[in-house]
Structure formats: structure tokens, C-alpha cells
C-alpha atoms as a PDB file:
ATOM      1  CA  MET A   1      29.769 138.172 164.396  1.00  0.00           C
ATOM      2  CA  ASN A   2      27.204 140.902 166.125  1.00  0.00           C
ATOM      3  CA  ASN A   3      25.099 141.186 162.621  1.00  0.00           C
ATOM      4  CA  ASN A   4      25.501 136.968 163.291  1.00  0.00           C
ATOM      5  CA  VAL A   5      23.859 137.297 166.422  1.00  0.00           C
ATOM      6  CA  GLN A   6      21.169 139.958 165.624  1.00  0.00           C
ATOM      7  CA  PHE A   7      20.093 137.866 162.600  1.00  0.00           C
ATOM      8  CA  ARG A   8      19.480 134.638 164.355  1.00  0.00           C
ATOM      9  CA  LEU A   9      18.119 136.621 167.801  1.00  0.00           C
ATOM     10  CA  ALA A  10      15.470 138.633 165.141  1.00  0.00           C
ATOM     11  CA  LEU A  11      14.076 135.051 163.424  1.00  0.00           C
ATOM     12  CA  LEU A  12      13.939 133.543 166.796  1.00  0.00           C
ATOM     13  CA  GLY A  13      11.353 136.024 168.125  1.00  0.00           C
ATOM     14  CA  ILE A  14       9.203 136.061 165.166  1.00  0.00           C
ATOM     15  CA  PRO A  15       6.391 133.870 166.092  1.00  0.00           C
ATOM     16  CA  ARG A  16       6.058 130.304 164.146  1.00  0.00           C
ATOM     17  CA  ILE A  17       9.833 130.754 163.475  1.00  0.00           C
ATOM     18  CA  GLY A  18      11.894 128.780 165.455  1.00  0.00           C
ATOM     19  CA  ARG A  19      15.674 127.346 165.297  1.00  0.00           C
ATOM     20  CA  LYS A  20      15.463 124.722 162.091  1.00  0.00           C
ATOM     21  CA  THR A  21      13.457 127.449 160.254  1.00  0.00           C
ATOM     22  CA  VAL A  22      16.364 129.688 161.012  1.00  0.00           C
ATOM     23  CA  ALA A  23      19.343 126.874 160.167  1.00  0.00           C
ATOM     24  CA  LYS A  24      17.065 127.132 156.342  1.00  0.00           C
ATOM     25  CA  ILE A  25      16.928 130.594 155.839  1.00  0.00           C
ATOM     26  CA  ALA A  26      20.849 131.357 156.939  1.00  0.00           C
ATOM     27  CA  VAL A  27      21.422 129.453 153.995  1.00  0.00           C
ATOM     28  CA  PHE A  28      21.129 131.592 151.996  1.00  0.00           C
ATOM     29  CA  VAL A  29      23.292 134.370 153.939  1.00  0.00           C
ATOM     30  CA  HIS A  30      26.734 133.854 152.571  1.00  0.00           C
ATOM     31  CA  ASP A  31      28.574 135.038 155.670  1.00  0.00           C
ATOM     32  CA  ASN A  32      27.057 138.608 154.824  1.00  0.00           C
ATOM     33  CA  TYR A  33      24.500 138.815 157.424  1.00  0.00           C
ATOM     34  CA  PRO A  34      21.802 141.496 157.052  1.00  0.00           C
ATOM     35  CA  SER A  35      21.579 144.461 159.320  1.00  0.00           C
ATOM     36  CA  THR A  36      19.177 146.443 158.730  1.00  0.00           C
ATOM     37  CA  ALA A  37      15.192 145.574 158.581  1.00  0.00           C
ATOM     38  CA  ASN A  38      15.187 145.627 154.572  1.00  0.00           C
ATOM     39  CA  GLU A  39      17.740 143.515 154.294  1.00  0.00           C
ATOM     40  CA  LEU A  40      16.132 140.937 156.250  1.00  0.00           C
ATOM     41  CA  TYR A  41      12.956 140.707 154.873  1.00  0.00           C
ATOM     42  CA  ASP A  42      14.560 140.247 151.223  1.00  0.00           C
ATOM     43  CA  LEU A  43      16.629 137.259 152.761  1.00  0.00           C
ATOM     44  CA  CYS A  44      12.552 136.276 154.164  1.00  0.00           C
ATOM     45  CA  GLN A  45      11.375 136.774 150.352  1.00  0.00           C
ATOM     46  CA  ARG A  46      14.482 135.067 148.434  1.00  0.00           C
ATOM     47  CA  ALA A  47      14.016 131.956 151.138  1.00  0.00           C
ATOM     48  CA  THR A  48      10.403 131.925 150.434  1.00  0.00           C
ATOM     49  CA  ALA A  49      10.967 131.714 146.647  1.00  0.00           C
ATOM     50  CA  SER A  50      13.376 128.691 147.350  1.00  0.00           C
ATOM     51  CA  GLY A  51      10.513 126.681 148.958  1.00  0.00           C
ATOM     52  CA  VAL A  52      11.379 127.583 152.576  1.00  0.00           C
ATOM     53  CA  ARG A  53       7.822 127.568 153.706  1.00  0.00           C
ATOM     54  CA  LEU A  54       7.596 131.329 156.550  1.00  0.00           C
ATOM     55  CA  PRO A  55       4.875 132.722 157.910  1.00  0.00           C
ATOM     56  CA  ASP A  56       3.516 136.101 155.620  1.00  0.00           C
ATOM     57  CA  VAL A  57       6.393 138.086 157.906  1.00  0.00           C
ATOM     58  CA  GLY A  58       5.900 141.782 157.087  1.00  0.00           C
ATOM     59  CA  ILE A  59       8.564 144.724 157.109  1.00  0.00           C
ATOM     60  CA  ARG A  60       7.114 146.129 160.540  1.00  0.00           C
ATOM     61  CA  THR A  61       7.225 142.456 162.281  1.00  0.00           C
ATOM     62  CA  ILE A  62      10.804 142.171 161.178  1.00  0.00           C
ATOM     63  CA  GLU A  63      11.555 146.088 162.235  1.00  0.00           C
ATOM     64  CA  THR A  64      10.018 144.713 165.548  1.00  0.00           C
ATOM     65  CA  ALA A  65      12.149 142.045 165.961  1.00  0.00           C
ATOM     66  CA  LEU A  66      15.160 143.507 165.017  1.00  0.00           C
ATOM     67  CA  ASP A  67      14.809 146.441 168.017  1.00  0.00           C
ATOM     68  CA  ARG A  68      13.900 143.160 170.538  1.00  0.00           C
ATOM     69  CA  ALA A  69      17.055 141.421 169.481  1.00  0.00           C
ATOM     70  CA  ASN A  70      19.155 144.682 169.743  1.00  0.00           C
ATOM     71  CA  GLN A  71      17.608 144.746 173.428  1.00  0.00           C
ATOM     72  CA  LEU A  72      18.481 141.070 174.600  1.00  0.00           C
ATOM     73  CA  MET A  73      21.948 141.942 173.350  1.00  0.00           C
ATOM     74  CA  GLU A  74      22.769 144.943 175.385  1.00  0.00           C
ATOM     75  CA  LYS A  75      20.647 143.106 178.736  1.00  0.00           C
ATOM     76  CA  SER A  76      22.789 139.979 178.228  1.00  0.00           C
ATOM     77  CA  ASP A  77      25.867 142.245 178.204  1.00  0.00           C
ATOM     78  CA  LYS A  78      24.869 143.843 181.086  1.00  0.00           C
ATOM     79  CA  LEU A  79      23.991 140.830 182.771  1.00  0.00           C
ATOM     80  CA  ASN A  80      27.745 139.346 181.666  1.00  0.00           C
ATOM     81  CA  ILE A  81      26.155 137.091 179.514  1.00  0.00           C
ATOM     82  CA  LYS A  82      27.886 136.093 176.538  1.00  0.00           C
ATOM     83  CA  VAL A  83      25.475 135.714 173.661  1.00  0.00           C
ATOM     84  CA  ILE A  84      26.861 132.899 170.977  1.00  0.00           C
ATOM     85  CA  PRO A  85      25.747 132.154 167.172  1.00  0.00           C
ATOM     86  CA  PHE A  86      25.408 128.653 165.484  1.00  0.00           C
ATOM     87  CA  GLY A  87      28.418 127.505 164.842  1.00  0.00           C
ATOM     88  CA  ASP A  88      31.003 130.080 166.770  1.00  0.00           C
ATOM     89  CA  ASP A  89      34.322 128.315 167.907  1.00  0.00           C
ATOM     90  CA  ARG A  90      34.359 129.288 171.361  1.00  0.00           C
ATOM     91  CA  LEU A  91      32.102 126.296 171.941  1.00  0.00           C
ATOM     92  CA  PRO A  92      33.551 122.884 170.922  1.00  0.00           C
ATOM     93  CA  SER A  93      33.377 122.154 167.518  1.00  0.00           C
ATOM     94  CA  LEU A  94      31.670 117.969 168.627  1.00  0.00           C
ATOM     95  CA  PHE A  95      28.768 120.221 169.836  1.00  0.00           C
ATOM     96  CA  TRP A  96      27.514 121.823 166.269  1.00  0.00           C
ATOM     97  CA  ASP A  97      27.118 117.601 165.354  1.00  0.00           C
ATOM     98  CA  MET A  98      23.472 118.078 166.145  1.00  0.00           C
ATOM     99  CA  LYS A  99      23.367 119.483 162.667  1.00  0.00           C
ATOM    100  CA  GLU A 100      19.295 120.261 162.343  1.00  0.00           C
ATOM    101  CA  ASP A 101      18.834 119.907 166.281  1.00  0.00           C
ATOM    102  CA  SER A 102      21.504 122.162 166.641  1.00  0.00           C
ATOM    103  CA  PRO A 103      20.195 125.488 168.711  1.00  0.00           C
ATOM    104  CA  GLN A 104      21.041 129.092 166.807  1.00  0.00           C
ATOM    105  CA  VAL A 105      21.960 130.987 169.609  1.00  0.00           C
ATOM    106  CA  MET A 106      23.764 130.000 172.669  1.00  0.00           C
ATOM    107  CA  PHE A 107      23.825 132.047 175.871  1.00  0.00           C
ATOM    108  CA  LEU A 108      26.827 131.665 178.348  1.00  0.00           C
ATOM    109  CA  LYS A 109      27.647 132.905 181.785  1.00  0.00           C
ATOM    110  CA  GLY A 110      30.828 132.263 183.518  1.00  0.00           C
ATOM    111  CA  ARG A 111      34.254 131.370 181.883  1.00  0.00           C
ATOM    112  CA  VAL A 112      33.888 130.484 178.461  1.00  0.00           C
ATOM    113  CA  GLU A 113      37.076 128.259 178.671  1.00  0.00           C
ATOM    114  CA  ALA A 114      35.626 125.870 180.312  1.00  0.00           C
ATOM    115  CA  ILE A 115      33.131 124.451 178.216  1.00  0.00           C
ATOM    116  CA  ASN A 116      36.290 124.440 175.405  1.00  0.00           C
ATOM    117  CA  SER A 117      37.996 121.766 177.293  1.00  0.00           C
ATOM    118  CA  ALA A 118      39.322 118.546 175.335  1.00  0.00           C
ATOM    119  CA  SER A 119      37.404 116.154 177.662  1.00  0.00           C
ATOM    120  CA  ASN A 120      33.976 116.812 178.627  1.00  0.00           C
ATOM    121  CA  ALA A 121      31.438 114.111 180.385  1.00  0.00           C
ATOM    122  CA  ALA A 122      28.202 114.558 181.268  1.00  0.00           C
ATOM    123  CA  VAL A 123      27.247 113.294 184.693  1.00  0.00           C
ATOM    124  CA  ILE A 124      23.763 112.810 184.879  1.00  0.00           C
ATOM    125  CA  GLY A 125      20.900 110.691 186.350  1.00  0.00           C
ATOM    126  CA  THR A 126      17.518 110.886 188.697  1.00  0.00           C
ATOM    127  CA  ARG A 127      16.485 113.594 190.853  1.00  0.00           C
ATOM    128  CA  SER A 128      15.747 110.811 193.423  1.00  0.00           C
ATOM    129  CA  PRO A 129      18.755 108.492 193.441  1.00  0.00           C
ATOM    130  CA  THR A 130      18.957 105.815 196.180  1.00  0.00           C
ATOM    131  CA  PRO A 131      21.836 106.913 199.477  1.00  0.00           C
ATOM    132  CA  TRP A 132      24.115 104.219 197.269  1.00  0.00           C
ATOM    133  CA  GLY A 133      23.775 105.609 193.877  1.00  0.00           C
ATOM    134  CA  LEU A 134      24.063 109.245 195.450  1.00  0.00           C
ATOM    135  CA  LYS A 135      27.487 108.754 197.127  1.00  0.00           C
ATOM    136  CA  ALA A 136      28.871 106.161 194.285  1.00  0.00           C
ATOM    137  CA  GLY A 137      27.989 109.065 191.643  1.00  0.00           C
ATOM    138  CA  LYS A 138      30.050 111.403 194.194  1.00  0.00           C
ATOM    139  CA  ARG A 139      32.906 108.917 193.984  1.00  0.00           C
ATOM    140  CA  LEU A 140      32.502 108.895 190.144  1.00  0.00           C
ATOM    141  CA  SER A 141      33.083 112.720 189.876  1.00  0.00           C
ATOM    142  CA  GLN A 142      35.709 113.353 191.876  1.00  0.00           C
ATOM    143  CA  VAL A 143      37.498 110.484 189.911  1.00  0.00           C
ATOM    144  CA  LEU A 144      36.780 112.158 187.194  1.00  0.00           C
ATOM    145  CA  SER A 145      37.578 115.262 187.844  1.00  0.00           C
ATOM    146  CA  GLU A 146      40.833 114.621 189.389  1.00  0.00           C
ATOM    147  CA  SER A 147      41.864 113.253 185.561  1.00  0.00           C
ATOM    148  CA  GLY A 148      41.320 116.632 184.496  1.00  0.00           C
ATOM    149  CA  VAL A 149      37.238 115.554 182.933  1.00  0.00           C
ATOM    150  CA  THR A 150      35.496 118.640 182.818  1.00  0.00           C
ATOM    151  CA  ILE A 151      31.753 117.737 184.242  1.00  0.00           C
ATOM    152  CA  ILE A 152      28.884 118.293 182.321  1.00  0.00           C
ATOM    153  CA  SER A 153      25.520 118.608 184.193  1.00  0.00           C
ATOM    154  CA  GLY A 154      22.261 119.547 184.320  1.00  0.00           C
ATOM    155  CA  LEU A 155      22.013 121.591 188.109  1.00  0.00           C
ATOM    156  CA  ALA A 156      18.751 119.524 189.038  1.00  0.00           C
ATOM    157  CA  LEU A 157      18.600 117.614 192.125  1.00  0.00           C
ATOM    158  CA  GLY A 158      19.739 114.400 192.991  1.00  0.00           C
ATOM    159  CA  CYS A 159      22.389 113.446 190.503  1.00  0.00           C
ATOM    160  CA  ASP A 160      23.085 116.430 188.768  1.00  0.00           C
ATOM    161  CA  THR A 161      23.922 118.091 192.078  1.00  0.00           C
ATOM    162  CA  ALA A 162      25.870 115.626 193.286  1.00  0.00           C
ATOM    163  CA  ALA A 163      28.310 115.472 190.063  1.00  0.00           C
ATOM    164  CA  HIS A 164      28.686 119.040 190.278  1.00  0.00           C
ATOM    165  CA  GLU A 165      29.579 119.460 194.095  1.00  0.00           C
ATOM    166  CA  ALA A 166      32.057 116.739 194.053  1.00  0.00           C
ATOM    167  CA  CYS A 167      33.759 118.020 191.117  1.00  0.00           C
ATOM    168  CA  LEU A 168      33.843 121.412 193.002  1.00  0.00           C
ATOM    169  CA  ASP A 169      35.310 119.776 196.094  1.00  0.00           C
ATOM    170  CA  ALA A 170      37.692 118.388 193.911  1.00  0.00           C
ATOM    171  CA  ASP A 171      38.963 121.347 192.161  1.00  0.00           C
ATOM    172  CA  GLY A 172      37.787 120.604 189.241  1.00  0.00           C
ATOM    173  CA  VAL A 173      35.778 122.229 186.538  1.00  0.00           C
ATOM    174  CA  THR A 174      31.844 121.930 185.907  1.00  0.00           C
ATOM    175  CA  VAL A 175      29.501 123.445 183.417  1.00  0.00           C
ATOM    176  CA  ALA A 176      25.721 123.457 184.132  1.00  0.00           C
ATOM    177  CA  VAL A 177      23.207 122.946 180.674  1.00  0.00           C
ATOM    178  CA  LEU A 178      19.777 124.856 181.738  1.00  0.00           C
ATOM    179  CA  ALA A 179      16.849 125.039 181.061  1.00  0.00           C
ATOM    180  CA  HIS A 180      15.732 128.704 181.277  1.00  0.00           C
ATOM    181  CA  GLY A 181      17.023 132.059 180.826  1.00  0.00           C
ATOM    182  CA  LEU A 182      20.680 132.615 182.678  1.00  0.00           C
ATOM    183  CA  ASP A 183      19.172 135.438 184.751  1.00  0.00           C
ATOM    184  CA  ILE A 184      17.629 133.383 186.810  1.00  0.00           C
ATOM    185  CA  VAL A 185      18.817 129.889 188.571  1.00  0.00           C
ATOM    186  CA  GLN A 186      16.480 127.370 189.279  1.00  0.00           C
ATOM    187  CA  PRO A 187      15.693 125.086 191.252  1.00  0.00           C
ATOM    188  CA  VAL A 188      16.192 128.075 193.934  1.00  0.00           C
ATOM    189  CA  LYS A 189      18.050 125.429 196.508  1.00  0.00           C
ATOM    190  CA  ASN A 190      21.068 125.557 194.109  1.00  0.00           C
ATOM    191  CA  ARG A 191      21.312 129.290 193.405  1.00  0.00           C
ATOM    192  CA  GLY A 192      24.805 129.072 196.055  1.00  0.00           C
ATOM    193  CA  LEU A 193      25.875 125.775 193.840  1.00  0.00           C
ATOM    194  CA  ALA A 194      25.321 127.895 190.826  1.00  0.00           C
ATOM    195  CA  GLU A 195      27.729 130.458 192.312  1.00  0.00           C
ATOM    196  CA  ARG A 196      30.157 128.291 193.197  1.00  0.00           C
ATOM    197  CA  ILE A 197      30.204 126.899 189.782  1.00  0.00           C
ATOM    198  CA  LEU A 198      31.403 130.734 188.439  1.00  0.00           C
ATOM    199  CA  ASP A 199      33.479 131.081 191.077  1.00  0.00           C
ATOM    200  CA  SER A 200      35.743 128.051 190.299  1.00  0.00           C
ATOM    201  CA  GLY A 201      36.034 129.233 186.861  1.00  0.00           C
ATOM    202  CA  GLY A 202      33.093 127.261 185.254  1.00  0.00           C
ATOM    203  CA  CYS A 203      30.261 128.517 183.520  1.00  0.00           C
ATOM    204  CA  LEU A 204      26.363 128.427 183.151  1.00  0.00           C
ATOM    205  CA  ILE A 205      24.781 127.629 179.620  1.00  0.00           C
ATOM    206  CA  SER A 206      21.282 127.464 177.900  1.00  0.00           C
ATOM    207  CA  GLU A 207      19.661 128.051 174.653  1.00  0.00           C
ATOM    208  CA  TYR A 208      17.037 130.346 176.167  1.00  0.00           C
ATOM    209  CA  GLU A 209      17.477 133.703 176.313  1.00  0.00           C
ATOM    210  CA  ILE A 210      16.996 135.976 179.773  1.00  0.00           C
ATOM    211  CA  GLY A 211      13.390 136.344 180.788  1.00  0.00           C
ATOM    212  CA  LYS A 212      12.253 132.515 179.615  1.00  0.00           C
ATOM    213  CA  ALA A 213      11.148 130.610 182.490  1.00  0.00           C
ATOM    214  CA  SER A 214      11.408 126.832 182.213  1.00  0.00           C
ATOM    215  CA  ARG A 215       8.788 124.738 180.827  1.00  0.00           C
ATOM    216  CA  PRO A 216       8.590 120.598 180.889  1.00  0.00           C
ATOM    217  CA  ASN A 217       9.448 120.305 176.906  1.00  0.00           C
ATOM    218  CA  GLN A 218      12.549 122.038 177.830  1.00  0.00           C
ATOM    219  CA  PHE A 219      13.783 119.972 179.956  1.00  0.00           C
ATOM    220  CA  ILE A 220      13.939 117.426 177.330  1.00  0.00           C
ATOM    221  CA  GLU A 221      15.329 119.862 174.925  1.00  0.00           C
ATOM    222  CA  ARG A 222      18.356 120.768 177.532  1.00  0.00           C
ATOM    223  CA  ASP A 223      18.865 116.787 177.552  1.00  0.00           C
ATOM    224  CA  ARG A 224      20.263 116.933 174.050  1.00  0.00           C
ATOM    225  CA  LEU A 225      22.424 119.726 174.879  1.00  0.00           C
ATOM    226  CA  GLN A 226      24.511 117.974 177.668  1.00  0.00           C
ATOM    227  CA  ALA A 227      24.824 114.758 175.420  1.00  0.00           C
ATOM    228  CA  ALA A 228      26.087 117.503 172.293  1.00  0.00           C
ATOM    229  CA  LEU A 229      28.832 119.241 174.285  1.00  0.00           C
ATOM    230  CA  SER A 230      30.136 115.878 175.682  1.00  0.00           C
ATOM    231  CA  LYS A 231      32.341 113.259 174.776  1.00  0.00           C
ATOM    232  CA  ALA A 232      30.958 110.676 176.749  1.00  0.00           C
ATOM    233  CA  VAL A 233      27.466 110.594 178.662  1.00  0.00           C
ATOM    234  CA  ILE A 234      27.930 108.619 182.347  1.00  0.00           C
ATOM    235  CA  VAL A 235      24.752 107.786 184.251  1.00  0.00           C
ATOM    236  CA  ILE A 236      24.534 107.457 187.933  1.00  0.00           C
ATOM    237  CA  GLU A 237      21.415 106.065 188.443  1.00  0.00           C
ATOM    238  CA  THR A 238      18.125 106.542 186.334  1.00  0.00           C
ATOM    239  CA  ASN A 239      14.667 104.675 185.472  1.00  0.00           C
ATOM    240  CA  ILE A 240      13.497 102.987 182.242  1.00  0.00           C
ATOM    241  CA  ASP A 241      11.450 105.722 181.387  1.00  0.00           C
ATOM    242  CA  GLY A 242      13.236 108.523 182.982  1.00  0.00           C
ATOM    243  CA  GLY A 243      13.952 111.961 181.910  1.00  0.00           C
ATOM    244  CA  THR A 244      17.883 110.961 181.701  1.00  0.00           C
ATOM    245  CA  MET A 245      16.811 108.759 179.155  1.00  0.00           C
ATOM    246  CA  HIS A 246      16.349 111.211 176.840  1.00  0.00           C
ATOM    247  CA  ALA A 247      20.015 112.339 177.098  1.00  0.00           C
ATOM    248  CA  VAL A 248      21.344 108.842 176.826  1.00  0.00           C
ATOM    249  CA  LYS A 249      18.932 108.427 173.517  1.00  0.00           C
ATOM    250  CA  TYR A 250      20.208 111.825 172.112  1.00  0.00           C
ATOM    251  CA  GLY A 251      24.174 110.766 173.057  1.00  0.00           C
ATOM    252  CA  GLN A 252      23.283 107.589 170.528  1.00  0.00           C
ATOM    253  CA  LYS A 253      22.163 109.083 168.216  1.00  0.00           C
ATOM    254  CA  LEU A 254      25.414 111.613 168.207  1.00  0.00           C
ATOM    255  CA  GLY A 255      27.320 108.295 168.251  1.00  0.00           C
ATOM    256  CA  ARG A 256      28.546 109.337 171.858  1.00  0.00           C
ATOM    257  CA  LEU A 257      30.491 107.170 174.358  1.00  0.00           C
ATOM    258  CA  LEU A 258      27.872 106.111 176.622  1.00  0.00           C
ATOM    259  CA  ALA A 259      28.701 104.511 180.480  1.00  0.00           C
ATOM    260  CA  CYS A 260      26.564 103.554 183.362  1.00  0.00           C
ATOM    261  CA  ILE A 261      27.406 102.633 187.075  1.00  0.00           C
ATOM    262  CA  LYS A 262      26.439  98.911 187.978  1.00  0.00           C
ATOM    263  CA  HIS A 263      24.387  98.712 191.134  1.00  0.00           C
ATOM    264  CA  PRO A 264      24.877  95.963 193.413  1.00  0.00           C
ATOM    265  CA  GLU A 265      22.598  92.637 193.591  1.00  0.00           C
ATOM    266  CA  GLU A 266      20.426  94.898 196.809  1.00  0.00           C
ATOM    267  CA  LEU A 267      19.774  97.858 194.586  1.00  0.00           C
ATOM    268  CA  LEU A 268      18.359  95.324 191.342  1.00  0.00           C
ATOM    269  CA  GLU A 269      15.015  95.907 192.408  1.00  0.00           C
ATOM    270  CA  ILE A 270      14.846  99.602 192.998  1.00  0.00           C
ATOM    271  CA  SER A 271      13.240 101.511 190.230  1.00  0.00           C
ATOM    272  CA  SER A 272      15.780 103.742 189.819  1.00  0.00           C
ATOM    273  CA  THR A 273      18.687 101.519 189.419  1.00  0.00           C
ATOM    274  CA  MET A 274      16.357  99.786 186.318  1.00  0.00           C
ATOM    275  CA  GLY A 275      17.372 102.355 183.708  1.00  0.00           C
ATOM    276  CA  ASN A 276      20.966 101.419 184.015  1.00  0.00           C
ATOM    277  CA  GLN A 277      20.554  97.785 184.518  1.00  0.00           C
ATOM    278  CA  GLN A 278      18.661  98.122 180.897  1.00  0.00           C
ATOM    279  CA  LEU A 279      21.518  99.515 179.417  1.00  0.00           C
ATOM    280  CA  ILE A 280      23.816  96.981 180.166  1.00  0.00           C
ATOM    281  CA  LYS A 281      21.989  94.342 179.528  1.00  0.00           C
ATOM    282  CA  ARG A 282      21.648  95.479 175.885  1.00  0.00           C
ATOM    283  CA  GLY A 283      25.111  96.191 175.199  1.00  0.00           C
ATOM    284  CA  GLN A 284      24.094  99.315 174.978  1.00  0.00           C
ATOM    285  CA  ALA A 285      26.488 101.288 177.917  1.00  0.00           C
ATOM    286  CA  VAL A 286      29.168 100.619 179.558  1.00  0.00           C
ATOM    287  CA  PRO A 287      29.340  99.220 183.355  1.00  0.00           C
ATOM    288  CA  ILE A 288      31.433 100.837 185.806  1.00  0.00           C
ATOM    289  CA  GLU A 289      31.950  98.517 188.527  1.00  0.00           C
ATOM    290  CA  ASN A 290      35.573  98.731 189.468  1.00  0.00           C
ATOM    291  CA  SER A 291      38.933 100.926 189.221  1.00  0.00           C
ATOM    292  CA  ILE A 292      40.007  99.203 185.808  1.00  0.00           C
ATOM    293  CA  ASP A 293      36.241 100.272 184.162  1.00  0.00           C
ATOM    294  CA  LEU A 294      36.936 103.733 185.242  1.00  0.00           C
ATOM    295  CA  LYS A 295      40.446 103.608 184.243  1.00  0.00           C
ATOM    296  CA  ASN A 296      39.452 102.726 180.633  1.00  0.00           C
ATOM    297  CA  LEU A 297      36.736 104.796 180.796  1.00  0.00           C
ATOM    298  CA  ILE A 298      38.775 107.884 181.933  1.00  0.00           C
ATOM    299  CA  ASN A 299      41.291 107.032 178.688  1.00  0.00           C
ATOM    300  CA  ARG A 300      38.588 106.852 176.361  1.00  0.00           C
ATOM    301  CA  ILE A 301      37.013 110.198 177.430  1.00  0.00           C
ATOM    302  CA  SER A 302      40.897 111.938 177.988  1.00  0.00           C
ATOM    303  CA  LYS A 303      43.089 113.527 175.120  1.00  0.00           C
ATOM    304  CA  SER A 304      46.888 113.042 175.585  1.00  0.00           C
ATOM    305  CA  GLY A 305      47.557 115.924 177.882  1.00  0.00           C
ATOM    306  CA  ASN A 306      44.955 115.006 180.419  1.00  0.00           C
ATOM    307  CA  ARG A 307      46.329 112.900 184.019  1.00  0.00           C
ATOM    308  CA  CYS A 308      44.797 109.730 184.895  1.00  0.00           C
ATOM    309  CA  VAL A 309      44.580 109.473 188.519  1.00  0.00           C
ATOM    310  CA  ASP A 310      45.936 106.565 190.172  1.00  0.00           C
ATOM    311  CA  LEU A 311      42.954 105.123 191.595  1.00  0.00           C
ATOM    312  CA  GLY A 312      44.889 102.417 193.700  1.00  0.00           C
ATOM    313  CA  ALA A 313      43.472  99.183 194.694  1.00  0.00           C
ATOM    314  CA  ASP A 314      39.921  97.931 192.833  1.00  0.00           C
ATOM    315  CA  LEU A 315      37.087 100.119 193.921  1.00  0.00           C
ATOM    316  CA  ILE A 316      35.698  97.446 195.015  1.00  0.00           C
ATOM    317  CA  GLY A 317      36.913  96.694 198.570  1.00  0.00           C
ATOM    318  CA  SER A 318      39.057  99.968 198.426  1.00  0.00           C
ATOM    319  CA  GLU A 319      38.539 102.496 201.247  1.00  0.00           C
ATOM    320  CA  ASN A 320      36.865 105.074 199.094  1.00  0.00           C
ATOM    321  CA  SER A 321      35.256 102.272 196.735  1.00  0.00           C
ATOM    322  CA  ILE A 322      31.704 102.385 195.317  1.00  0.00           C
ATOM    323  CA  ASP A 323      31.255  98.869 196.945  1.00  0.00           C
ATOM    324  CA  GLN A 324      32.076 100.583 200.327  1.00  0.00           C
ATOM    325  CA  LEU A 325      29.372 102.975 200.195  1.00  0.00           C
ATOM    326  CA  SER A 326      26.115 100.517 199.971  1.00  0.00           C
ATOM    327  CA  PHE A 327      24.767  99.896 203.192  1.00  0.00           C
ATOM    328  CA  GLU A 328      21.626  97.612 204.123  1.00  0.00           C
ATOM    329  CA  LEU A 329      18.191  99.524 203.088  1.00  0.00           C
ATOM    330  CA  GLU A 330      15.881 100.858 205.645  1.00  0.00           C
END
């Protein structure tokens, strides 16, 4: 297993070699992963001879890359960060549905079993939701958590924070997918929330090594992981062109169930609700408006053994309903 991790980390550390190229080289391994610079060099030569386009990589470059990979593995271990290679069964089998878009290595901090739940759902949305949407998202995440669904989100401010916090308040399990190395937490405001996730038996996960700061494109890359880890992608609120749409589109590509909170009429002119409206109108997303919608969604997400809580009356008109969270906009 260590040779597998070392092999992938070393290649990823070589300039102009990305995850798709590593996947092409790995085809030539046949489960006998190279452990020395000479073996890795020979493997790269075989891949090149077979048509894989690689930069001109010398033995010194490979030696440096292997040393760096070993140091990264040691530093990660000291921080209690697990390094998980492509195809590892510690992650859900559905995660590897990404095929050519799959990460070659994942970093995980916390309880690894949290992410391999039978029922994972991504609950995501804009960083600037309406107050109604924020409360509705919390109620949704609470009910899902009480039904045994593990909440996947991105630890961003706004909808992600609401989803994580409501899950934890309901004694549920939640997983945060980050767009940077796990030696830091961003935004800084959510460091306490990250600790709560770990303390409650959840985990933090990223495809980026320690020391790697976040960049705008990495948030887009992160969005595909949220979709891949989940059986359903559930949108609290999003603009038509919001970042949440990256996860939505990738969820559609993978054939994941897509659902959106349906907003009351007084919020339909607000930009942060228009993505929801568009997805529902086009028939691309299941609308969530009442307890029946929510029960049906939970039943589609859950496998036998998970419980579906009794929501009582319709969410519309009940004491804790989504409808009851509405109010006059200022």
C-alpha cells in the first residue's frame, strides 16, 4: 500500500504531470508498484514508448520526487492525516465513479469510517443565502441527520456552515471536503467548526497535500468531489451561475440524485434562489417543499438499516416547517 501511495505522490510532485497522466502511467504497473527511482524511471520509459505523453524526466528528478513523497507521507502521519491512494476501499466505491477525473491521492483527517457511510448526501449552497434559506437549510440538514444520512459539505460560510452545524446539533456525522491542505482550515472563522466535526466522529478530506493553499480553481475541483462522495446532491440556495452549480453539473454527470429546496413566492425574485428555480423548472432537480418530499428523498438516499424519522405534519404549516421559517423581507 505504501508503495502505491509513494508512487502516485512522487509522480504528482513532478512538474507537468497531473492526475490524468498518473492514471495513464499506473496502467503499466500491474499491482507491482515501483519502490526505487530506477524502477519508476523504467516505468515512465515504458509508458512513453506506449504513447503516453510525458515531460522529459531524468533519474535525478525522480529521485527528488520520491524523497519529497516520503517526506510528505511522514509529515502527514505526524499530523494524523491518512494518505489514501486511488481505488482504496476505505472510500466509498461510488467515489471512484469519476474514472479519469478521479484524484490519484486523497488526504483524510478524522474517522475514516465516517465517509464510508451507506447514505451520504451533499448539502451545499451559496455563501450568501437569504435568512429564510439559511434556516430552511438547517432544518433540512437536521432531518437528514436524524434519519441517519451523513452530510457532505464544503465548510464554506453560508449554506455549507449551516448544513454542518445543524448536523452536529442533531448528533449526526458530517464530512467537510476542503480545497487546500489539511494542515490549515479556511475560512479561519470555521476552525472551531472543523474541530467539532472531528470531535463528533466526522472527518476532513482533500485531494491537496499539506502546505497547499487554496486557489480559485481548486474550489471548482473540490466541488466534483462533493458530488462523487454522495448519493444525492441537495441544493439549499444557489445563483444560476453560482459555484454550487459546479457540483450540480458533476452530480448530473455521475447520475446522482439532484434535489433543491423550493422557495416561497416572495423570494422568487432574489438572485440566490434562481438557480434552484431553474433546476426545478427544467425537471433536473426534485423539489423539496414539504414533509412528503423530504421523506421520499430520504428513502431514495437511504439503504435498509437507516431510519426515516417521523416528521409528523407537513413541513408547510407545522411548527418546525420550512414555511414557518419565512418572514417579511426587510
